[in-house]
């Protein structure tokens, strides 16, 4: 079975597999995303998984480290895709097998974040439409197609299980 592939293949790509999470609050029908300090760029909580670490556990670890959110009610795998991208935070070309998860929150409770020095963003809450608009407005300079893919799969899953009508 071939995986969906997104982005433009670049020279000198480093392979770094990981996960990304579409985090949903069923009480407000809003999504948790990161917003970069220097602008309004939105991002999913995501990151590489350590050697020997389970993909789901590693993705949830990244969500907690980056957002502070930790009270997860349910995690639903959405599939895997290949993403070619330039990691602007680390200034490196990457290729990754990215596993996406829909993470449904029990509560918006947070704990202190553990951001790396290059991670200059904070937690914000947005609608799916607002997230789409944000990514589409910036699509000339960056590739968010794999994030859009996982957001769309999340919306389908949320409708399927009765969270969104």
N, C-alpha and C. Protein backbone atom coordinates (compact mmCIF):
# COMPACT_ATOMS: atom_id res chain seq x y z
N UNK A 1 0.84 -1.18 0.00
CA UNK A 1 0.00 0.00 0.00
C UNK A 1 0.89 1.24 0.00
N UNK A 2 0.64 2.14 -0.93
CA UNK A 2 1.44 3.35 -0.98
C UNK A 2 0.86 4.42 -0.05
N UNK A 3 1.73 5.21 0.50
CA UNK A 3 1.32 6.28 1.41
C UNK A 3 1.10 7.56 0.63
N UNK A 4 0.13 8.39 1.07
CA UNK A 4 0.01 9.70 0.44
C UNK A 4 1.29 10.49 0.70
N UNK A 5 1.70 11.26 -0.32
CA UNK A 5 2.96 12.00 -0.21
C UNK A 5 2.70 13.47 -0.47
N UNK A 6 3.30 14.33 0.36
CA UNK A 6 3.07 15.76 0.29
C UNK A 6 4.39 16.51 0.27
N UNK A 7 4.38 17.67 -0.33
CA UNK A 7 5.55 18.53 -0.33
C UNK A 7 6.43 18.30 -1.53
N UNK A 8 7.51 19.04 -1.57
CA UNK A 8 8.47 18.99 -2.66
C UNK A 8 9.75 18.37 -2.14
N UNK A 9 10.21 17.34 -2.82
CA UNK A 9 11.46 16.70 -2.42
C UNK A 9 12.60 17.70 -2.62
N UNK A 10 13.46 17.80 -1.60
CA UNK A 10 14.57 18.76 -1.62
C UNK A 10 15.90 18.01 -1.49
N UNK A 11 16.96 18.69 -1.88
CA UNK A 11 18.29 18.11 -1.72
C UNK A 11 18.62 17.99 -0.23
N UNK A 12 19.44 17.02 0.09
CA UNK A 12 19.97 16.85 1.45
C UNK A 12 18.89 16.71 2.51
N UNK A 13 17.80 16.01 2.20
CA UNK A 13 16.75 15.81 3.20
C UNK A 13 17.24 14.84 4.28
N UNK A 14 16.94 15.19 5.52
CA UNK A 14 17.20 14.30 6.65
C UNK A 14 15.91 13.59 6.98
N UNK A 15 15.97 12.30 7.24
CA UNK A 15 14.78 11.54 7.61
C UNK A 15 14.56 11.66 9.11
N UNK A 16 13.33 12.07 9.49
CA UNK A 16 12.97 12.19 10.91
C UNK A 16 11.50 11.88 11.04
N UNK A 17 11.18 10.63 11.34
CA UNK A 17 9.78 10.21 11.46
C UNK A 17 9.19 10.71 12.76
N UNK A 18 7.90 10.94 12.73
CA UNK A 18 7.25 11.44 13.92
C UNK A 18 5.75 11.46 13.78
N UNK A 19 5.13 12.19 14.68
CA UNK A 19 3.68 12.25 14.69
C UNK A 19 3.20 13.68 14.81
N UNK A 20 1.94 13.87 14.43
CA UNK A 20 1.30 15.17 14.63
C UNK A 20 -0.10 14.90 15.16
N UNK A 21 -0.60 15.87 15.90
CA UNK A 21 -1.89 15.70 16.55
C UNK A 21 -2.84 16.84 16.20
N UNK A 22 -4.06 16.44 15.84
CA UNK A 22 -5.16 17.38 15.71
C UNK A 22 -5.91 17.27 17.03
N UNK A 23 -5.80 18.30 17.87
CA UNK A 23 -6.31 18.25 19.24
C UNK A 23 -7.66 18.97 19.29
N UNK A 24 -8.68 18.24 19.74
CA UNK A 24 -10.06 18.74 19.69
C UNK A 24 -10.68 18.79 21.08
N UNK A 25 -11.32 19.92 21.37
CA UNK A 25 -12.06 20.08 22.62
C UNK A 25 -13.55 19.93 22.31
N UNK A 26 -14.18 18.83 22.70
CA UNK A 26 -15.59 18.61 22.36
C UNK A 26 -16.56 19.56 23.06
N UNK A 27 -16.12 20.19 24.15
CA UNK A 27 -17.01 21.11 24.86
C UNK A 27 -17.18 22.43 24.10
N UNK A 28 -16.11 22.92 23.50
CA UNK A 28 -16.17 24.20 22.78
C UNK A 28 -16.20 24.02 21.27
N UNK A 29 -15.94 22.79 20.79
CA UNK A 29 -15.83 22.49 19.36
C UNK A 29 -14.69 23.29 18.71
N UNK A 30 -13.63 23.50 19.48
CA UNK A 30 -12.45 24.23 19.01
C UNK A 30 -11.25 23.28 18.97
N UNK A 31 -10.24 23.69 18.21
CA UNK A 31 -9.02 22.91 18.07
C UNK A 31 -7.86 23.66 18.72
N UNK A 32 -7.01 22.91 19.40
CA UNK A 32 -5.80 23.47 20.00
C UNK A 32 -4.70 23.45 18.95
N UNK A 33 -4.08 24.60 18.72
CA UNK A 33 -2.95 24.71 17.81
C UNK A 33 -1.93 25.64 18.44
N UNK A 34 -0.75 25.61 17.90
CA UNK A 34 0.27 26.55 18.32
C UNK A 34 0.22 27.78 17.44
N UNK A 35 0.49 28.93 18.02
CA UNK A 35 0.60 30.17 17.24
C UNK A 35 2.00 30.72 17.48
N UNK A 36 2.71 31.01 16.39
CA UNK A 36 4.07 31.51 16.50
C UNK A 36 4.09 32.92 17.07
N UNK A 37 5.06 33.19 17.92
CA UNK A 37 5.18 34.47 18.61
C UNK A 37 5.36 35.64 17.65
N UNK A 38 6.06 35.40 16.52
CA UNK A 38 6.36 36.51 15.62
C UNK A 38 5.24 36.77 14.61
N UNK A 39 4.16 36.05 14.67
CA UNK A 39 3.06 36.27 13.73
C UNK A 39 1.89 35.39 14.04
N UNK A 40 1.02 35.29 13.10
CA UNK A 40 -0.20 34.52 13.28
C UNK A 40 -0.13 33.12 12.69
N UNK A 41 1.06 32.65 12.34
CA UNK A 41 1.19 31.33 11.75
C UNK A 41 0.75 30.26 12.76
N UNK A 42 -0.20 29.42 12.34
CA UNK A 42 -0.69 28.34 13.19
C UNK A 42 0.02 27.04 12.83
N UNK A 43 0.12 26.15 13.82
CA UNK A 43 0.79 24.87 13.60
C UNK A 43 0.13 23.79 14.44
N UNK A 44 0.20 22.56 13.94
CA UNK A 44 -0.21 21.42 14.76
C UNK A 44 0.92 21.11 15.74
N UNK A 45 0.57 20.51 16.84
CA UNK A 45 1.59 20.04 17.78
C UNK A 45 2.14 18.74 17.22
N UNK A 46 3.46 18.71 17.05
CA UNK A 46 4.06 17.58 16.36
C UNK A 46 5.54 17.49 16.71
N UNK A 47 6.13 16.38 16.31
CA UNK A 47 7.55 16.25 16.53
C UNK A 47 8.05 14.85 16.27
N UNK A 48 9.34 14.73 16.31
CA UNK A 48 9.98 13.44 16.10
C UNK A 48 9.81 12.55 17.31
N UNK A 49 9.83 11.26 17.03
CA UNK A 49 9.69 10.26 18.09
C UNK A 49 11.08 9.68 18.36
N UNK A 50 11.38 9.52 19.63
CA UNK A 50 12.69 9.02 20.04
C UNK A 50 12.84 7.54 19.72
N UNK A 51 14.08 7.07 19.58
CA UNK A 51 14.35 5.65 19.32
C UNK A 51 13.70 4.79 20.41
N UNK A 52 12.97 3.78 19.98
CA UNK A 52 12.32 2.87 20.92
C UNK A 52 11.01 3.38 21.50
N UNK A 53 10.63 4.61 21.16
CA UNK A 53 9.40 5.20 21.69
C UNK A 53 8.23 4.83 20.77
N UNK A 54 7.12 4.46 21.36
CA UNK A 54 5.89 4.18 20.63
C UNK A 54 5.41 5.47 19.96
N UNK A 55 4.94 5.37 18.70
CA UNK A 55 4.54 6.56 17.94
C UNK A 55 3.43 7.35 18.64
N UNK A 56 2.42 6.67 19.13
CA UNK A 56 1.32 7.36 19.82
C UNK A 56 1.81 8.03 21.10
N UNK A 57 2.58 7.30 21.89
CA UNK A 57 3.11 7.87 23.13
C UNK A 57 4.01 9.08 22.84
N UNK A 58 4.84 8.97 21.81
CA UNK A 58 5.73 10.07 21.46
C UNK A 58 4.97 11.30 20.98
N UNK A 59 3.89 11.07 20.22
CA UNK A 59 3.08 12.19 19.75
C UNK A 59 2.38 12.87 20.92
N UNK A 60 1.82 12.09 21.83
CA UNK A 60 1.17 12.68 23.00
C UNK A 60 2.19 13.40 23.90
N UNK A 61 3.40 12.88 23.97
CA UNK A 61 4.47 13.56 24.72
C UNK A 61 4.73 14.93 24.10
N UNK A 62 4.81 14.98 22.77
CA UNK A 62 5.03 16.25 22.08
C UNK A 62 3.88 17.23 22.34
N UNK A 63 2.65 16.74 22.31
CA UNK A 63 1.49 17.61 22.58
C UNK A 63 1.63 18.22 23.97
N UNK A 64 1.94 17.40 24.95
CA UNK A 64 2.06 17.89 26.32
C UNK A 64 3.23 18.86 26.47
N UNK A 65 4.39 18.51 25.90
CA UNK A 65 5.55 19.39 26.00
C UNK A 65 5.29 20.74 25.34
N UNK A 66 4.63 20.74 24.18
CA UNK A 66 4.46 21.96 23.40
C UNK A 66 3.25 22.80 23.81
N UNK A 67 2.20 22.15 24.31
CA UNK A 67 0.96 22.89 24.63
C UNK A 67 0.63 22.92 26.11
N UNK A 68 1.12 21.94 26.85
CA UNK A 68 0.75 21.80 28.26
C UNK A 68 -0.49 20.95 28.45
N UNK A 69 -1.23 20.69 27.37
CA UNK A 69 -2.43 19.85 27.46
C UNK A 69 -2.02 18.42 27.80
N UNK A 70 -2.79 17.78 28.66
CA UNK A 70 -2.41 16.43 29.10
C UNK A 70 -3.60 15.55 29.45
N UNK A 71 -4.80 16.11 29.51
CA UNK A 71 -5.98 15.36 29.95
C UNK A 71 -6.72 14.82 28.72
N UNK A 72 -6.17 13.73 28.16
CA UNK A 72 -6.68 13.17 26.92
C UNK A 72 -7.75 12.11 27.19
N UNK A 73 -8.91 12.25 26.52
CA UNK A 73 -9.98 11.26 26.66
C UNK A 73 -9.81 10.12 25.67
N UNK A 74 -9.38 10.45 24.45
CA UNK A 74 -9.29 9.44 23.40
C UNK A 74 -8.27 9.88 22.36
N UNK A 75 -7.53 8.90 21.85
CA UNK A 75 -6.58 9.13 20.76
C UNK A 75 -6.94 8.18 19.63
N UNK A 76 -7.16 8.74 18.43
CA UNK A 76 -7.58 7.94 17.29
C UNK A 76 -6.55 8.09 16.18
N UNK A 77 -5.90 6.98 15.76
CA UNK A 77 -4.95 7.07 14.65
C UNK A 77 -5.67 7.44 13.35
N UNK A 78 -5.04 8.31 12.57
CA UNK A 78 -5.63 8.77 11.31
C UNK A 78 -4.90 8.22 10.09
N UNK A 79 -3.74 7.62 10.30
CA UNK A 79 -2.96 7.09 9.19
C UNK A 79 -1.58 7.72 9.14
N UNK A 80 -0.84 7.34 8.10
CA UNK A 80 0.52 7.81 7.92
C UNK A 80 0.67 8.40 6.53
N UNK A 81 1.46 9.43 6.43
CA UNK A 81 1.76 10.08 5.15
C UNK A 81 3.25 10.40 5.10
N UNK A 82 3.75 10.60 3.90
CA UNK A 82 5.13 11.03 3.71
C UNK A 82 5.10 12.54 3.49
N UNK A 83 5.91 13.26 4.25
CA UNK A 83 5.96 14.72 4.12
C UNK A 83 7.39 15.17 3.83
N UNK A 84 7.54 15.95 2.77
CA UNK A 84 8.80 16.62 2.45
C UNK A 84 8.60 18.07 2.86
N UNK A 85 9.51 18.61 3.63
CA UNK A 85 9.33 19.99 4.10
C UNK A 85 10.65 20.58 4.55
N UNK A 86 10.65 21.89 4.68
CA UNK A 86 11.80 22.58 5.25
C UNK A 86 11.41 22.97 6.67
N UNK A 87 12.10 22.44 7.65
CA UNK A 87 11.84 22.79 9.04
C UNK A 87 12.45 24.15 9.29
N UNK A 88 11.59 25.18 9.29
CA UNK A 88 12.09 26.55 9.45
C UNK A 88 12.65 26.79 10.84
N UNK A 89 12.14 26.08 11.85
CA UNK A 89 12.62 26.28 13.21
C UNK A 89 14.05 25.78 13.38
N UNK A 90 14.42 24.73 12.63
CA UNK A 90 15.77 24.18 12.73
C UNK A 90 16.60 24.42 11.47
N UNK A 91 15.98 25.06 10.45
CA UNK A 91 16.63 25.36 9.18
C UNK A 91 17.26 24.12 8.56
N UNK A 92 16.43 23.09 8.35
CA UNK A 92 16.90 21.84 7.76
C UNK A 92 15.80 21.26 6.87
N UNK A 93 16.20 20.65 5.75
CA UNK A 93 15.25 19.95 4.88
C UNK A 93 14.99 18.58 5.47
N UNK A 94 13.73 18.20 5.50
CA UNK A 94 13.35 16.93 6.12
C UNK A 94 12.42 16.14 5.21
N UNK A 95 12.45 14.84 5.40
CA UNK A 95 11.44 13.93 4.88
C UNK A 95 11.03 13.07 6.06
N UNK A 96 9.74 12.83 6.19
CA UNK A 96 9.27 12.08 7.35
C UNK A 96 8.08 11.23 6.99
N UNK A 97 8.02 10.08 7.61
CA UNK A 97 6.78 9.32 7.67
C UNK A 97 6.07 9.87 8.90
N UNK A 98 4.96 10.58 8.65
CA UNK A 98 4.23 11.26 9.71
C UNK A 98 2.95 10.50 10.01
N UNK A 99 2.77 10.12 11.25
CA UNK A 99 1.54 9.47 11.67
C UNK A 99 0.68 10.52 12.36
N UNK A 100 -0.55 10.66 11.87
CA UNK A 100 -1.46 11.64 12.43
C UNK A 100 -2.43 11.01 13.41
N UNK A 101 -2.78 11.79 14.43
CA UNK A 101 -3.72 11.34 15.45
C UNK A 101 -4.75 12.43 15.70
N UNK A 102 -5.98 12.01 15.90
CA UNK A 102 -7.01 12.88 16.44
C UNK A 102 -6.98 12.66 17.94
N UNK A 103 -6.76 13.74 18.68
CA UNK A 103 -6.70 13.66 20.14
C UNK A 103 -7.89 14.43 20.69
N UNK A 104 -8.79 13.72 21.35
CA UNK A 104 -9.97 14.33 21.94
C UNK A 104 -9.69 14.56 23.42
N UNK A 105 -9.89 15.80 23.83
CA UNK A 105 -9.59 16.17 25.21
C UNK A 105 -10.73 15.84 26.17
N UNK A 106 -10.36 15.51 27.39
CA UNK A 106 -11.32 15.39 28.48
C UNK A 106 -11.53 16.78 29.09
N UNK A 107 -10.43 17.54 29.19
CA UNK A 107 -10.49 18.91 29.71
C UNK A 107 -9.37 19.72 29.08
N UNK A 108 -9.46 21.04 29.26
CA UNK A 108 -8.42 21.95 28.78
C UNK A 108 -7.34 22.20 29.84
N UNK A 109 -7.31 21.39 30.89
CA UNK A 109 -6.29 21.55 31.93
C UNK A 109 -4.90 21.50 31.30
N UNK A 110 -4.01 22.36 31.79
CA UNK A 110 -2.65 22.37 31.27
C UNK A 110 -1.64 22.27 32.42
N UNK A 111 -0.46 21.89 32.04
CA UNK A 111 0.69 21.91 32.92
C UNK A 111 1.76 22.75 32.23
N UNK A 112 2.84 23.11 32.91
CA UNK A 112 3.86 23.93 32.25
C UNK A 112 4.41 23.25 30.99
N UNK A 113 4.68 24.06 29.97
CA UNK A 113 5.24 23.53 28.73
C UNK A 113 6.73 23.31 28.88
N UNK A 114 7.28 22.52 27.96
CA UNK A 114 8.71 22.25 27.92
C UNK A 114 9.21 22.50 26.50
N UNK A 115 9.14 23.76 26.08
CA UNK A 115 9.53 24.11 24.72
C UNK A 115 11.05 24.11 24.57
N UNK A 116 11.50 23.66 23.39
CA UNK A 116 12.92 23.77 23.05
C UNK A 116 13.20 25.22 22.68
N UNK A 117 14.48 25.61 22.68
CA UNK A 117 14.86 27.00 22.41
C UNK A 117 14.30 27.54 21.10
N UNK A 118 14.23 26.69 20.07
CA UNK A 118 13.77 27.14 18.76
C UNK A 118 12.24 27.19 18.64
N UNK A 119 11.53 26.66 19.62
CA UNK A 119 10.06 26.62 19.56
C UNK A 119 9.49 27.90 20.16
N UNK A 120 9.11 28.80 19.29
CA UNK A 120 8.62 30.12 19.68
C UNK A 120 7.13 30.23 19.40
N UNK A 121 6.34 29.43 20.06
CA UNK A 121 4.90 29.46 19.85
C UNK A 121 4.19 29.15 21.16
N UNK A 122 2.89 29.41 21.15
CA UNK A 122 2.08 29.16 22.35
C UNK A 122 0.73 28.60 21.94
N UNK A 123 0.03 28.07 22.90
CA UNK A 123 -1.27 27.44 22.71
C UNK A 123 -2.34 28.49 22.40
N UNK A 124 -3.16 28.19 21.40
CA UNK A 124 -4.34 29.00 21.10
C UNK A 124 -5.45 28.07 20.65
N UNK A 125 -6.67 28.57 20.62
CA UNK A 125 -7.85 27.78 20.25
C UNK A 125 -8.48 28.40 19.01
N UNK A 126 -8.75 27.56 18.00
CA UNK A 126 -9.29 28.05 16.74
C UNK A 126 -10.31 27.06 16.18
N UNK A 127 -11.13 27.58 15.27
CA UNK A 127 -12.06 26.71 14.53
C UNK A 127 -11.30 26.06 13.38
N UNK A 128 -11.86 24.99 12.83
CA UNK A 128 -11.24 24.35 11.67
C UNK A 128 -11.16 25.33 10.50
N UNK A 129 -12.22 26.12 10.27
CA UNK A 129 -12.21 27.09 9.17
C UNK A 129 -11.10 28.11 9.34
N UNK A 130 -10.88 28.58 10.57
CA UNK A 130 -9.83 29.56 10.83
C UNK A 130 -8.45 28.96 10.56
N UNK A 131 -8.27 27.70 10.92
CA UNK A 131 -6.98 27.02 10.68
C UNK A 131 -6.74 26.88 9.18
N UNK A 132 -7.76 26.42 8.43
CA UNK A 132 -7.64 26.31 6.97
C UNK A 132 -7.25 27.64 6.35
N UNK A 133 -7.94 28.69 6.72
CA UNK A 133 -7.68 30.03 6.17
C UNK A 133 -6.23 30.44 6.44
N UNK A 134 -5.75 30.18 7.65
CA UNK A 134 -4.40 30.53 8.03
C UNK A 134 -3.38 29.81 7.15
N UNK A 135 -3.56 28.51 6.97
CA UNK A 135 -2.61 27.74 6.17
C UNK A 135 -2.69 28.10 4.69
N UNK A 136 -3.89 28.28 4.18
CA UNK A 136 -4.05 28.63 2.76
C UNK A 136 -3.41 29.99 2.46
N UNK A 137 -3.51 30.95 3.38
CA UNK A 137 -2.93 32.28 3.18
C UNK A 137 -1.41 32.23 3.13
N UNK A 138 -0.80 31.20 3.68
CA UNK A 138 0.65 31.10 3.74
C UNK A 138 1.20 29.99 2.84
N UNK A 139 0.37 29.38 2.02
CA UNK A 139 0.77 28.19 1.28
C UNK A 139 1.81 28.46 0.19
N UNK A 140 1.99 29.73 -0.24
CA UNK A 140 3.00 30.03 -1.25
C UNK A 140 4.41 29.80 -0.71
N UNK A 141 4.63 30.12 0.56
CA UNK A 141 5.97 30.03 1.13
C UNK A 141 6.22 28.73 1.90
N UNK A 142 5.17 28.06 2.29
CA UNK A 142 5.32 26.85 3.11
C UNK A 142 4.36 25.77 2.63
N UNK A 143 4.65 24.54 3.00
CA UNK A 143 3.80 23.43 2.60
C UNK A 143 3.09 22.88 3.83
N UNK A 144 1.78 23.08 3.87
CA UNK A 144 0.98 22.58 4.98
C UNK A 144 0.05 21.46 4.54
N UNK A 145 0.28 20.90 3.34
CA UNK A 145 -0.64 19.92 2.79
C UNK A 145 -0.83 18.70 3.69
N UNK A 146 0.23 18.24 4.34
CA UNK A 146 0.06 17.07 5.21
C UNK A 146 -0.75 17.43 6.45
N UNK A 147 -0.62 18.65 6.95
CA UNK A 147 -1.43 19.08 8.09
C UNK A 147 -2.89 19.21 7.66
N UNK A 148 -3.13 19.76 6.47
CA UNK A 148 -4.50 19.87 5.95
C UNK A 148 -5.10 18.48 5.80
N UNK A 149 -4.32 17.54 5.29
CA UNK A 149 -4.77 16.16 5.13
C UNK A 149 -5.23 15.58 6.47
N UNK A 150 -4.43 15.77 7.52
CA UNK A 150 -4.81 15.21 8.82
C UNK A 150 -5.96 15.98 9.46
N UNK A 151 -6.07 17.27 9.24
CA UNK A 151 -7.21 18.03 9.74
C UNK A 151 -8.50 17.54 9.06
N UNK A 152 -8.46 17.33 7.75
CA UNK A 152 -9.64 16.83 7.03
C UNK A 152 -10.03 15.44 7.52
N UNK A 153 -9.04 14.56 7.72
CA UNK A 153 -9.34 13.22 8.23
C UNK A 153 -9.94 13.30 9.64
N UNK A 154 -9.47 14.25 10.44
CA UNK A 154 -10.02 14.44 11.79
C UNK A 154 -11.48 14.88 11.74
N UNK A 155 -11.77 15.82 10.85
CA UNK A 155 -13.16 16.28 10.73
C UNK A 155 -14.08 15.15 10.28
N UNK A 156 -13.61 14.32 9.35
CA UNK A 156 -14.39 13.16 8.92
C UNK A 156 -14.63 12.22 10.10
N UNK A 157 -13.60 11.96 10.89
CA UNK A 157 -13.71 11.05 12.03
C UNK A 157 -14.63 11.63 13.10
N UNK A 158 -14.51 12.93 13.37
CA UNK A 158 -15.37 13.57 14.36
C UNK A 158 -16.85 13.50 13.94
N UNK A 159 -17.11 13.66 12.67
CA UNK A 159 -18.48 13.53 12.17
C UNK A 159 -18.96 12.09 12.30
N UNK A 160 -18.09 11.15 11.94
CA UNK A 160 -18.42 9.73 11.99
C UNK A 160 -18.78 9.28 13.41
N UNK A 161 -18.07 9.80 14.41
CA UNK A 161 -18.34 9.36 15.79
C UNK A 161 -19.31 10.27 16.54
N UNK A 162 -19.86 11.27 15.81
CA UNK A 162 -20.96 12.05 16.37
C UNK A 162 -20.59 13.33 17.12
N UNK A 163 -19.35 13.78 17.01
CA UNK A 163 -18.96 15.02 17.69
C UNK A 163 -19.35 16.26 16.90
N UNK A 164 -19.31 16.13 15.57
CA UNK A 164 -19.65 17.24 14.68
C UNK A 164 -20.80 16.79 13.80
N UNK A 165 -21.83 17.58 13.73
CA UNK A 165 -22.98 17.25 12.90
C UNK A 165 -23.01 18.06 11.64
